[in-house]
Amino acid sequence: MIVVTGATGNIGRTLVPLLAGAGEEVVAVSRRPQPAGSAAGVRHAVADLGSAASMRPVLDGADALFLLLGGELNGHGEHPAALLDAAVDAGVKRVVLVSSQVSATRPDAPSHHRLRRFEAAVRGSGVDHTILRPAGFASNAFAWAESVRTRRVVLAPFADVALPVVDPADIAEVAAAALTGPGHAGRVYELTGPEAVSPRRQAEVLAGALGEEVAFVELSRAEAHAHLARFMPEEVIGGTLDVLGVPLPAERVVSPDVATVLGRPAGPFADWVTRNLPAFR
């Protein structure tokens, strides 16, 4: 049995049916009730990753655990060792953790302190483990969906700073391989897209897929800060803008790890747009 946390997110929505379709027994975990009509082999459970006591009943009988911290769980909660202890007590033998590229490239970044603690707890758990460190998600472009739908405009800072954003579906496929296949224990995979793509270029890709002009308006750093402050903790905003605006050389590098694990190239931003185009129409 595989327990998948963050089951309703950009990665989980692909990972859960992928595992179920391969014949795995899956427990899909979220903090809110999930809709009915799931695939055979999927059981839904409401639990809080930030509470080991909440997770213990869910983990009972599990062989593997997929860990994804979302939202405020990146900022606070129990010590990660409490959750890993609960997993070990339940008999979990394999853990796959979604961390972040920034955990390695900016080891002192306050925004990723908790992810680094989770990495340490996973390594210290004594179970087989794989750590995934993705670059920025292609799905961050959903932030533009409303303005594209209503005004055919993308508003973003750092128009021509290109980064190799990764398709969450590729992260899900790598996670599925690490959860179910051999040869991944102790590995750290840096997951990126196949090329660096700037916000301006992303807007052009959206325009091409829509068959209509999409204007690009570059925000200043201050304007972007004000926008992010509506949904992001203040201590995270500065680091996020630093990565987007003044990325380190390592944050611009295209990693081969998606292709190494999956035996095919990582999907380009255009593929993500094609699958998600209804959100922008």
C-alpha atoms as a PDB file:
ATOM      1  CA  MET A   1       0.000   0.000   0.000  1.00  0.00           C
ATOM      2  CA  ILE A   2       1.252   3.461  -0.924  1.00  0.00           C
ATOM      3  CA  VAL A   3       0.187   6.564   1.006  1.00  0.00           C
ATOM      4  CA  VAL A   4       0.203   9.724  -1.113  1.00  0.00           C
ATOM      5  CA  THR A   5       0.052  13.057   0.707  1.00  0.00           C
ATOM      6  CA  GLY A   6      -0.843  16.223  -1.196  1.00  0.00           C
ATOM      7  CA  ALA A   7      -3.147  14.026  -3.276  1.00  0.00           C
ATOM      8  CA  THR A   8      -5.215  16.939  -4.627  1.00  0.00           C
ATOM      9  CA  GLY A   9      -2.261  19.071  -5.735  1.00  0.00           C
ATOM     10  CA  ASN A  10      -0.540  19.501  -9.081  1.00  0.00           C
ATOM     11  CA  ILE A  11       1.642  16.423  -8.524  1.00  0.00           C
ATOM     12  CA  GLY A  12      -0.819  14.274  -6.580  1.00  0.00           C
ATOM     13  CA  ARG A  13      -3.589  14.575  -9.162  1.00  0.00           C
ATOM     14  CA  THR A  14      -1.320  12.785 -11.629  1.00  0.00           C
ATOM     15  CA  LEU A  15       0.487  10.480  -9.206  1.00  0.00           C
ATOM     16  CA  VAL A  16      -2.590   8.887  -7.610  1.00  0.00           C
ATOM     17  CA  PRO A  17      -4.196   7.607 -10.855  1.00  0.00           C
ATOM     18  CA  LEU A  18      -0.764   6.666 -12.187  1.00  0.00           C
ATOM     19  CA  LEU A  19      -0.145   4.362  -9.229  1.00  0.00           C
ATOM     20  CA  ALA A  20      -3.690   3.025  -9.194  1.00  0.00           C
ATOM     21  CA  GLY A  21      -3.515   2.315 -12.913  1.00  0.00           C
ATOM     22  CA  ALA A  22      -0.386   0.261 -12.294  1.00  0.00           C
ATOM     23  CA  GLY A  23      -2.336  -1.909  -9.852  1.00  0.00           C
ATOM     24  CA  GLU A  24      -1.067  -0.364  -6.626  1.00  0.00           C
ATOM     25  CA  GLU A  25      -3.284   0.023  -3.571  1.00  0.00           C
ATOM     26  CA  VAL A  26      -3.299   3.764  -2.868  1.00  0.00           C
ATOM     27  CA  VAL A  27      -4.416   5.914   0.049  1.00  0.00           C
ATOM     28  CA  ALA A  28      -4.863   9.493  -1.185  1.00  0.00           C
ATOM     29  CA  VAL A  29      -4.420  11.926   1.706  1.00  0.00           C
ATOM     30  CA  SER A  30      -5.563  15.529   1.923  1.00  0.00           C
ATOM     31  CA  ARG A  31      -6.684  17.883   4.661  1.00  0.00           C
ATOM     32  CA  ARG A  32     -10.167  18.177   3.147  1.00  0.00           C
ATOM     33  CA  PRO A  33     -12.651  15.558   1.952  1.00  0.00           C
ATOM     34  CA  GLN A  34     -12.085  14.545  -1.631  1.00  0.00           C
ATOM     35  CA  PRO A  35     -14.750  14.033  -4.282  1.00  0.00           C
ATOM     36  CA  ALA A  36     -16.260  10.639  -4.951  1.00  0.00           C
ATOM     37  CA  GLY A  37     -15.693   8.701  -8.143  1.00  0.00           C
ATOM     38  CA  SER A  38     -12.051   7.790  -7.684  1.00  0.00           C
ATOM     39  CA  ALA A  39     -10.319   5.033  -9.594  1.00  0.00           C
ATOM     40  CA  ALA A  40     -10.420   1.483  -8.312  1.00  0.00           C
ATOM     41  CA  GLY A  41      -7.748   0.847  -5.733  1.00  0.00           C
ATOM     42  CA  VAL A  42      -7.822   4.367  -4.320  1.00  0.00           C
ATOM     43  CA  ARG A  43      -9.032   5.113  -0.814  1.00  0.00           C
ATOM     44  CA  HIS A  44      -9.275   8.705   0.372  1.00  0.00           C
ATOM     45  CA  ALA A  45      -8.320   9.799   3.870  1.00  0.00           C
ATOM     46  CA  VAL A  46      -8.463  13.159   5.612  1.00  0.00           C
ATOM     47  CA  ALA A  47      -5.320  13.789   7.639  1.00  0.00           C
ATOM     48  CA  ASP A  48      -2.822  16.544   8.392  1.00  0.00           C
ATOM     49  CA  LEU A  49       0.782  15.962   7.402  1.00  0.00           C
ATOM     50  CA  GLY A  50       1.790  18.402  10.133  1.00  0.00           C
ATOM     51  CA  SER A  51       0.408  16.073  12.815  1.00  0.00           C
ATOM     52  CA  ALA A  52       1.929  12.623  13.309  1.00  0.00           C
ATOM     53  CA  ALA A  53      -1.071  11.602  15.402  1.00  0.00           C
ATOM     54  CA  SER A  54      -3.363  12.476  12.493  1.00  0.00           C
ATOM     55  CA  MET A  55      -1.252  10.439  10.076  1.00  0.00           C
ATOM     56  CA  ARG A  56      -0.773   7.286  12.167  1.00  0.00           C
ATOM     57  CA  PRO A  57      -4.119   5.642  11.281  1.00  0.00           C
ATOM     58  CA  VAL A  58      -3.553   6.434   7.611  1.00  0.00           C
ATOM     59  CA  LEU A  59      -0.080   4.898   7.618  1.00  0.00           C
ATOM     60  CA  ASP A  60      -1.149   1.629   9.205  1.00  0.00           C
ATOM     61  CA  GLY A  61      -0.204  -1.164   6.804  1.00  0.00           C
ATOM     62  CA  ALA A  62       1.588   1.099   4.318  1.00  0.00           C
ATOM     63  CA  ASP A  63       4.707  -0.048   2.488  1.00  0.00           C
ATOM     64  CA  ALA A  64       5.611   3.309   0.935  1.00  0.00           C
ATOM     65  CA  LEU A  65       4.971   6.999   1.605  1.00  0.00           C
ATOM     66  CA  PHE A  66       5.008   9.980  -0.733  1.00  0.00           C
ATOM     67  CA  LEU A  67       5.652  13.223   1.154  1.00  0.00           C
ATOM     68  CA  LEU A  68       4.668  16.612  -0.221  1.00  0.00           C
ATOM     69  CA  LEU A  69       4.508  19.718   1.948  1.00  0.00           C
ATOM     70  CA  GLY A  70       2.021  22.269   0.710  1.00  0.00           C
ATOM     71  CA  GLY A  71       1.135  25.806   1.690  1.00  0.00           C
ATOM     72  CA  GLU A  72       1.623  26.658   5.320  1.00  0.00           C
ATOM     73  CA  LEU A  73       3.168  23.254   6.087  1.00  0.00           C
ATOM     74  CA  ASN A  74       6.342  24.631   4.559  1.00  0.00           C
ATOM     75  CA  GLY A  75       6.485  27.110   7.423  1.00  0.00           C
ATOM     76  CA  HIS A  76       5.495  25.352  10.617  1.00  0.00           C
ATOM     77  CA  GLY A  77       4.352  22.127  12.230  1.00  0.00           C
ATOM     78  CA  GLU A  78       5.712  19.292  14.323  1.00  0.00           C
ATOM     79  CA  HIS A  79       9.329  18.271  13.956  1.00  0.00           C
ATOM     80  CA  PRO A  80       9.539  16.115  10.827  1.00  0.00           C
ATOM     81  CA  ALA A  81      11.067  13.275  12.842  1.00  0.00           C
ATOM     82  CA  ALA A  82       7.680  12.730  14.511  1.00  0.00           C
ATOM     83  CA  LEU A  83       6.084  11.884  11.181  1.00  0.00           C
ATOM     84  CA  LEU A  84       8.978   9.685  10.083  1.00  0.00           C
ATOM     85  CA  ASP A  85       8.860   7.831  13.405  1.00  0.00           C
ATOM     86  CA  ALA A  86       5.148   7.196  12.842  1.00  0.00           C
ATOM     87  CA  ALA A  87       5.895   5.895   9.343  1.00  0.00           C
ATOM     88  CA  VAL A  88       8.580   3.534  10.597  1.00  0.00           C
ATOM     89  CA  ASP A  89       6.299   2.301  13.387  1.00  0.00           C
ATOM     90  CA  ALA A  90       3.622   1.569  10.764  1.00  0.00           C
ATOM     91  CA  GLY A  91       6.021  -0.552   8.714  1.00  0.00           C
ATOM     92  CA  VAL A  92       6.801   1.872   5.881  1.00  0.00           C
ATOM     93  CA  LYS A  93       9.886   0.703   4.005  1.00  0.00           C
ATOM     94  CA  ARG A  94      10.211   3.404   1.361  1.00  0.00           C
ATOM     95  CA  VAL A  95       9.775   7.196   1.416  1.00  0.00           C
ATOM     96  CA  VAL A  96       9.830   9.644  -1.500  1.00  0.00           C
ATOM     97  CA  LEU A  97      10.052  13.322  -0.495  1.00  0.00           C
ATOM     98  CA  VAL A  98       9.430  16.313  -2.734  1.00  0.00           C
ATOM     99  CA  SER A  99      11.906  18.954  -1.608  1.00  0.00           C
ATOM    100  CA  SER A 100      13.161  21.813  -3.789  1.00  0.00           C
ATOM    101  CA  GLN A 101      16.117  22.738  -5.936  1.00  0.00           C
ATOM    102  CA  VAL A 102      16.557  25.741  -3.636  1.00  0.00           C
ATOM    103  CA  SER A 103      17.279  23.433  -0.688  1.00  0.00           C
ATOM    104  CA  ALA A 104      20.608  22.737  -2.373  1.00  0.00           C
ATOM    105  CA  THR A 105      21.344  25.954  -4.256  1.00  0.00           C
ATOM    106  CA  ARG A 106      20.550  28.296  -1.347  1.00  0.00           C
ATOM    107  CA  PRO A 107      21.223  26.242   1.815  1.00  0.00           C
ATOM    108  CA  ASP A 108      20.667  29.224   4.117  1.00  0.00           C
ATOM    109  CA  ALA A 109      17.379  30.398   2.600  1.00  0.00           C
ATOM    110  CA  PRO A 110      14.833  30.825   5.436  1.00  0.00           C
ATOM    111  CA  SER A 111      12.002  29.943   3.046  1.00  0.00           C
ATOM    112  CA  HIS A 112      13.290  26.371   2.721  1.00  0.00           C
ATOM    113  CA  HIS A 113      14.396  25.714   6.275  1.00  0.00           C
ATOM    114  CA  ARG A 114      11.566  23.268   6.946  1.00  0.00           C
ATOM    115  CA  LEU A 115      12.149  21.364   3.715  1.00  0.00           C
ATOM    116  CA  ARG A 116      15.796  20.937   4.694  1.00  0.00           C
ATOM    117  CA  ARG A 117      14.678  19.568   8.072  1.00  0.00           C
ATOM    118  CA  PHE A 118      12.421  17.099   6.284  1.00  0.00           C
ATOM    119  CA  GLU A 119      15.315  16.004   4.091  1.00  0.00           C
ATOM    120  CA  ALA A 120      17.412  15.376   7.201  1.00  0.00           C
ATOM    121  CA  ALA A 121      14.596  13.472   8.910  1.00  0.00           C
ATOM    122  CA  VAL A 122      14.020  11.274   5.866  1.00  0.00           C
ATOM    123  CA  ARG A 123      17.726  10.479   5.628  1.00  0.00           C
ATOM    124  CA  GLY A 124      17.838   9.671   9.326  1.00  0.00           C
ATOM    125  CA  SER A 125      14.746   7.458   9.290  1.00  0.00           C
ATOM    126  CA  GLY A 126      16.584   4.289   8.346  1.00  0.00           C
ATOM    127  CA  VAL A 127      14.188   3.443   5.489  1.00  0.00           C
ATOM    128  CA  ASP A 128      14.926   3.465   1.767  1.00  0.00           C
ATOM    129  CA  HIS A 129      14.376   6.991   0.558  1.00  0.00           C
ATOM    130  CA  THR A 130      14.501   9.161  -2.554  1.00  0.00           C
ATOM    131  CA  ILE A 131      14.568  12.956  -2.524  1.00  0.00           C
ATOM    132  CA  LEU A 132      13.168  14.937  -5.447  1.00  0.00           C
ATOM    133  CA  ARG A 133      14.393  18.506  -5.891  1.00  0.00           C
ATOM    134  CA  PRO A 134      12.323  20.124  -8.645  1.00  0.00           C
ATOM    135  CA  ALA A 135      12.902  23.533 -10.138  1.00  0.00           C
ATOM    136  CA  GLY A 136       9.985  25.964 -10.403  1.00  0.00           C
ATOM    137  CA  PHE A 137       6.737  24.370 -11.563  1.00  0.00           C
ATOM    138  CA  ALA A 138       5.278  25.028 -14.992  1.00  0.00           C
ATOM    139  CA  SER A 139       1.926  25.092 -13.185  1.00  0.00           C
ATOM    140  CA  ASN A 140       2.875  28.378 -11.523  1.00  0.00           C
ATOM    141  CA  ALA A 141       1.525  29.833 -14.769  1.00  0.00           C
ATOM    142  CA  PHE A 142      -1.966  29.154 -13.384  1.00  0.00           C
ATOM    143  CA  ALA A 143      -1.435  32.457 -11.552  1.00  0.00           C
ATOM    144  CA  TRP A 144      -1.995  34.135 -14.925  1.00  0.00           C
ATOM    145  CA  ALA A 145      -5.147  32.214 -15.800  1.00  0.00           C
ATOM    146  CA  GLU A 146      -7.675  34.881 -14.816  1.00  0.00           C
ATOM    147  CA  SER A 147      -5.878  37.757 -16.516  1.00  0.00           C
ATOM    148  CA  VAL A 148      -5.380  35.693 -19.661  1.00  0.00           C
ATOM    149  CA  ARG A 149      -9.043  34.604 -19.722  1.00  0.00           C
ATOM    150  CA  THR A 150     -10.471  38.037 -19.092  1.00  0.00           C
ATOM    151  CA  ARG A 151      -7.944  40.408 -20.655  1.00  0.00           C
ATOM    152  CA  ARG A 152      -5.509  38.284 -22.664  1.00  0.00           C
ATOM    153  CA  VAL A 153      -2.589  39.638 -20.668  1.00  0.00           C
ATOM    154  CA  VAL A 154       0.218  38.132 -18.585  1.00  0.00           C
ATOM    155  CA  LEU A 155       1.623  40.248 -15.757  1.00  0.00           C
ATOM    156  CA  ALA A 156       4.944  39.062 -14.329  1.00  0.00           C
ATOM    157  CA  PRO A 157       8.326  40.368 -13.188  1.00  0.00           C
ATOM    158  CA  PHE A 158      11.720  39.613 -14.733  1.00  0.00           C
ATOM    159  CA  ALA A 159      10.375  39.247 -18.267  1.00  0.00           C
ATOM    160  CA  ASP A 160      13.481  37.803 -19.873  1.00  0.00           C
ATOM    161  CA  VAL A 161      15.013  35.772 -17.049  1.00  0.00           C
ATOM    162  CA  ALA A 162      14.785  32.174 -18.247  1.00  0.00           C
ATOM    163  CA  LEU A 163      14.540  29.176 -15.899  1.00  0.00           C
ATOM    164  CA  PRO A 164      14.006  25.464 -16.704  1.00  0.00           C
ATOM    165  CA  VAL A 165      10.531  25.081 -15.205  1.00  0.00           C
ATOM    166  CA  VAL A 166       9.375  21.486 -14.771  1.00  0.00           C
ATOM    167  CA  ASP A 167       6.021  19.911 -15.583  1.00  0.00           C
ATOM    168  CA  PRO A 168       4.432  18.538 -12.375  1.00  0.00           C
ATOM    169  CA  ALA A 169       3.361  15.496 -14.386  1.00  0.00           C
ATOM    170  CA  ASP A 170       7.033  14.629 -14.868  1.00  0.00           C
ATOM    171  CA  ILE A 171       7.601  14.952 -11.131  1.00  0.00           C
ATOM    172  CA  ALA A 172       4.689  12.574 -10.575  1.00  0.00           C
ATOM    173  CA  GLU A 173       6.106  10.017 -13.007  1.00  0.00           C
ATOM    174  CA  VAL A 174       9.526  10.144 -11.373  1.00  0.00           C
ATOM    175  CA  ALA A 175       7.878   9.771  -7.963  1.00  0.00           C
ATOM    176  CA  ALA A 176       5.916   6.744  -9.186  1.00  0.00           C
ATOM    177  CA  ALA A 177       9.113   5.132 -10.436  1.00  0.00           C
ATOM    178  CA  ALA A 178      10.872   5.783  -7.134  1.00  0.00           C
ATOM    179  CA  LEU A 179       7.908   4.483  -5.111  1.00  0.00           C
ATOM    180  CA  THR A 180       7.528   1.246  -7.024  1.00  0.00           C
ATOM    181  CA  GLY A 181      10.766   0.373  -8.797  1.00  0.00           C
ATOM    182  CA  PRO A 182      14.311  -0.652  -7.858  1.00  0.00           C
ATOM    183  CA  GLY A 183      17.464   1.426  -7.982  1.00  0.00           C
ATOM    184  CA  HIS A 184      16.244   4.679  -6.441  1.00  0.00           C
ATOM    185  CA  ALA A 185      17.160   4.240  -2.763  1.00  0.00           C
ATOM    186  CA  GLY A 186      19.467   6.968  -1.519  1.00  0.00           C
ATOM    187  CA  ARG A 187      19.169   8.974  -4.723  1.00  0.00           C
ATOM    188  CA  VAL A 188      18.579  12.718  -5.027  1.00  0.00           C
ATOM    189  CA  TYR A 189      17.007  13.739  -8.333  1.00  0.00           C
ATOM    190  CA  GLU A 190      17.183  17.323  -9.609  1.00  0.00           C
ATOM    191  CA  LEU A 191      14.089  17.719 -11.786  1.00  0.00           C
ATOM    192  CA  THR A 192      13.848  20.423 -14.449  1.00  0.00           C
ATOM    193  CA  GLY A 193      12.246  20.961 -17.811  1.00  0.00           C
ATOM    194  CA  PRO A 194      14.199  20.411 -21.046  1.00  0.00           C
ATOM    195  CA  GLU A 195      15.052  24.084 -21.552  1.00  0.00           C
ATOM    196  CA  ALA A 196      15.066  27.408 -19.780  1.00  0.00           C
ATOM    197  CA  VAL A 197      12.031  29.526 -20.621  1.00  0.00           C
ATOM    198  CA  SER A 198      11.368  33.139 -19.639  1.00  0.00           C
ATOM    199  CA  PRO A 199       8.022  34.603 -18.531  1.00  0.00           C
ATOM    200  CA  ARG A 200       7.808  36.530 -21.799  1.00  0.00           C
ATOM    201  CA  ARG A 201       8.367  33.328 -23.760  1.00  0.00           C
ATOM    202  CA  GLN A 202       5.752  31.515 -21.654  1.00  0.00           C
ATOM    203  CA  ALA A 203       3.249  34.207 -22.606  1.00  0.00           C
ATOM    204  CA  GLU A 204       4.137  33.661 -26.270  1.00  0.00           C
ATOM    205  CA  VAL A 205       3.554  29.920 -25.876  1.00  0.00           C
ATOM    206  CA  LEU A 206       0.155  30.610 -24.320  1.00  0.00           C
ATOM    207  CA  ALA A 207      -0.720  32.943 -27.177  1.00  0.00           C
ATOM    208  CA  GLY A 208       0.244  30.348 -29.745  1.00  0.00           C
ATOM    209  CA  ALA A 209      -1.865  27.676 -28.074  1.00  0.00           C
ATOM    210  CA  LEU A 210      -4.858  30.007 -27.814  1.00  0.00           C
ATOM    211  CA  GLY A 211      -4.462  31.288 -31.348  1.00  0.00           C
ATOM    212  CA  GLU A 212      -4.818  34.832 -30.041  1.00  0.00           C
ATOM    213  CA  GLU A 213      -2.496  37.635 -29.012  1.00  0.00           C
ATOM    214  CA  VAL A 214      -1.542  37.665 -25.323  1.00  0.00           C
ATOM    215  CA  ALA A 215       0.111  40.879 -24.162  1.00  0.00           C
ATOM    216  CA  PHE A 216       2.985  40.798 -21.679  1.00  0.00           C
ATOM    217  CA  VAL A 217       3.258  43.462 -18.972  1.00  0.00           C
ATOM    218  CA  GLU A 218       6.419  43.405 -16.894  1.00  0.00           C
ATOM    219  CA  LEU A 219       5.941  44.107 -13.197  1.00  0.00           C
ATOM    220  CA  SER A 220       8.566  45.830 -11.111  1.00  0.00           C
ATOM    221  CA  ARG A 221      10.009  43.898  -8.180  1.00  0.00           C
ATOM    222  CA  ALA A 222       7.962  46.059  -5.815  1.00  0.00           C
ATOM    223  CA  GLU A 223       4.766  45.349  -7.738  1.00  0.00           C
ATOM    224  CA  ALA A 224       5.526  41.628  -7.765  1.00  0.00           C
ATOM    225  CA  HIS A 225       6.223  41.728  -4.026  1.00  0.00           C
ATOM    226  CA  ALA A 226       2.838  43.336  -3.384  1.00  0.00           C
ATOM    227  CA  HIS A 227       1.120  40.689  -5.496  1.00  0.00           C
ATOM    228  CA  LEU A 228       2.843  37.765  -3.746  1.00  0.00           C
ATOM    229  CA  ALA A 229       2.074  39.240  -0.330  1.00  0.00           C
ATOM    230  CA  ARG A 230      -1.603  38.464  -0.906  1.00  0.00           C
ATOM    231  CA  PHE A 231      -0.992  34.729  -0.529  1.00  0.00           C
ATOM    232  CA  MET A 232       2.649  34.135   0.461  1.00  0.00           C
ATOM    233  CA  PRO A 233       4.339  34.629   3.880  1.00  0.00           C
ATOM    234  CA  GLU A 234       6.528  37.715   3.998  1.00  0.00           C
ATOM    235  CA  GLU A 235       9.649  35.725   4.910  1.00  0.00           C
ATOM    236  CA  VAL A 236       9.310  33.707   1.707  1.00  0.00           C
ATOM    237  CA  ILE A 237       8.701  36.513  -0.769  1.00  0.00           C
ATOM    238  CA  GLY A 238      12.206  37.948  -0.939  1.00  0.00           C
ATOM    239  CA  GLY A 239      13.817  34.584  -1.598  1.00  0.00           C
ATOM    240  CA  THR A 240      11.238  33.725  -4.235  1.00  0.00           C
ATOM    241  CA  LEU A 241      11.887  36.972  -6.099  1.00  0.00           C
ATOM    242  CA  ASP A 242      15.645  36.427  -5.838  1.00  0.00           C
ATOM    243  CA  VAL A 243      15.334  33.038  -7.532  1.00  0.00           C
ATOM    244  CA  LEU A 244      13.069  34.438 -10.252  1.00  0.00           C
ATOM    245  CA  GLY A 245      15.065  37.607 -10.842  1.00  0.00           C
ATOM    246  CA  VAL A 246      18.695  36.824 -10.041  1.00  0.00           C
ATOM    247  CA  PRO A 247      18.984  33.033 -10.293  1.00  0.00           C
ATOM    248  CA  LEU A 248      22.260  31.364  -9.445  1.00  0.00           C
ATOM    249  CA  PRO A 249      24.059  29.510 -12.252  1.00  0.00           C
ATOM    250  CA  ALA A 250      22.954  26.150 -10.789  1.00  0.00           C
ATOM    251  CA  GLU A 251      19.316  27.277 -10.938  1.00  0.00           C
ATOM    252  CA  ARG A 252      19.582  27.821 -14.697  1.00  0.00           C
ATOM    253  CA  VAL A 253      21.011  24.371 -15.456  1.00  0.00           C
ATOM    254  CA  VAL A 254      18.899  21.789 -17.289  1.00  0.00           C
ATOM    255  CA  SER A 255      19.161  18.515 -15.379  1.00  0.00           C
ATOM    256  CA  PRO A 256      19.160  15.114 -17.146  1.00  0.00           C
ATOM    257  CA  ASP A 257      17.467  13.347 -14.220  1.00  0.00           C
ATOM    258  CA  VAL A 258      13.913  13.210 -15.643  1.00  0.00           C
ATOM    259  CA  ALA A 259      15.246  11.553 -18.782  1.00  0.00           C
ATOM    260  CA  THR A 260      17.514   9.257 -16.767  1.00  0.00           C
ATOM    261  CA  VAL A 261      14.640   7.957 -14.652  1.00  0.00           C
ATOM    262  CA  LEU A 262      11.877   7.884 -17.258  1.00  0.00           C
ATOM    263  CA  GLY A 263      13.839   7.027 -20.389  1.00  0.00           C
ATOM    264  CA  ARG A 264      12.379   9.991 -22.277  1.00  0.00           C
ATOM    265  CA  PRO A 265      13.034  13.732 -22.326  1.00  0.00           C
ATOM    266  CA  ALA A 266      11.344  16.012 -19.831  1.00  0.00           C
ATOM    267  CA  GLY A 267       8.187  17.614 -21.176  1.00  0.00           C
ATOM    268  CA  PRO A 268       8.440  21.218 -22.443  1.00  0.00           C
ATOM    269  CA  PHE A 269       6.314  24.074 -21.139  1.00  0.00           C
ATOM    270  CA  ALA A 270       4.241  23.901 -24.321  1.00  0.00           C
ATOM    271  CA  ASP A 271       3.067  20.387 -23.445  1.00  0.00           C
ATOM    272  CA  TRP A 272       1.879  21.569 -20.035  1.00  0.00           C
ATOM    273  CA  VAL A 273       0.003  24.440 -21.710  1.00  0.00           C
ATOM    274  CA  THR A 274      -1.703  22.109 -24.179  1.00  0.00           C
ATOM    275  CA  ARG A 275      -3.031  19.881 -21.391  1.00  0.00           C
ATOM    276  CA  ASN A 276      -4.196  22.810 -19.277  1.00  0.00           C
ATOM    277  CA  LEU A 277      -5.407  25.211 -21.965  1.00  0.00           C
ATOM    278  CA  PRO A 278      -9.055  25.239 -20.758  1.00  0.00           C
ATOM    279  CA  ALA A 279      -7.937  27.180 -17.676  1.00  0.00           C
ATOM    280  CA  PHE A 280      -6.804  30.032 -19.938  1.00  0.00           C
ATOM    281  CA  ARG A 281      -9.641  30.159 -22.486  1.00  0.00           C
END
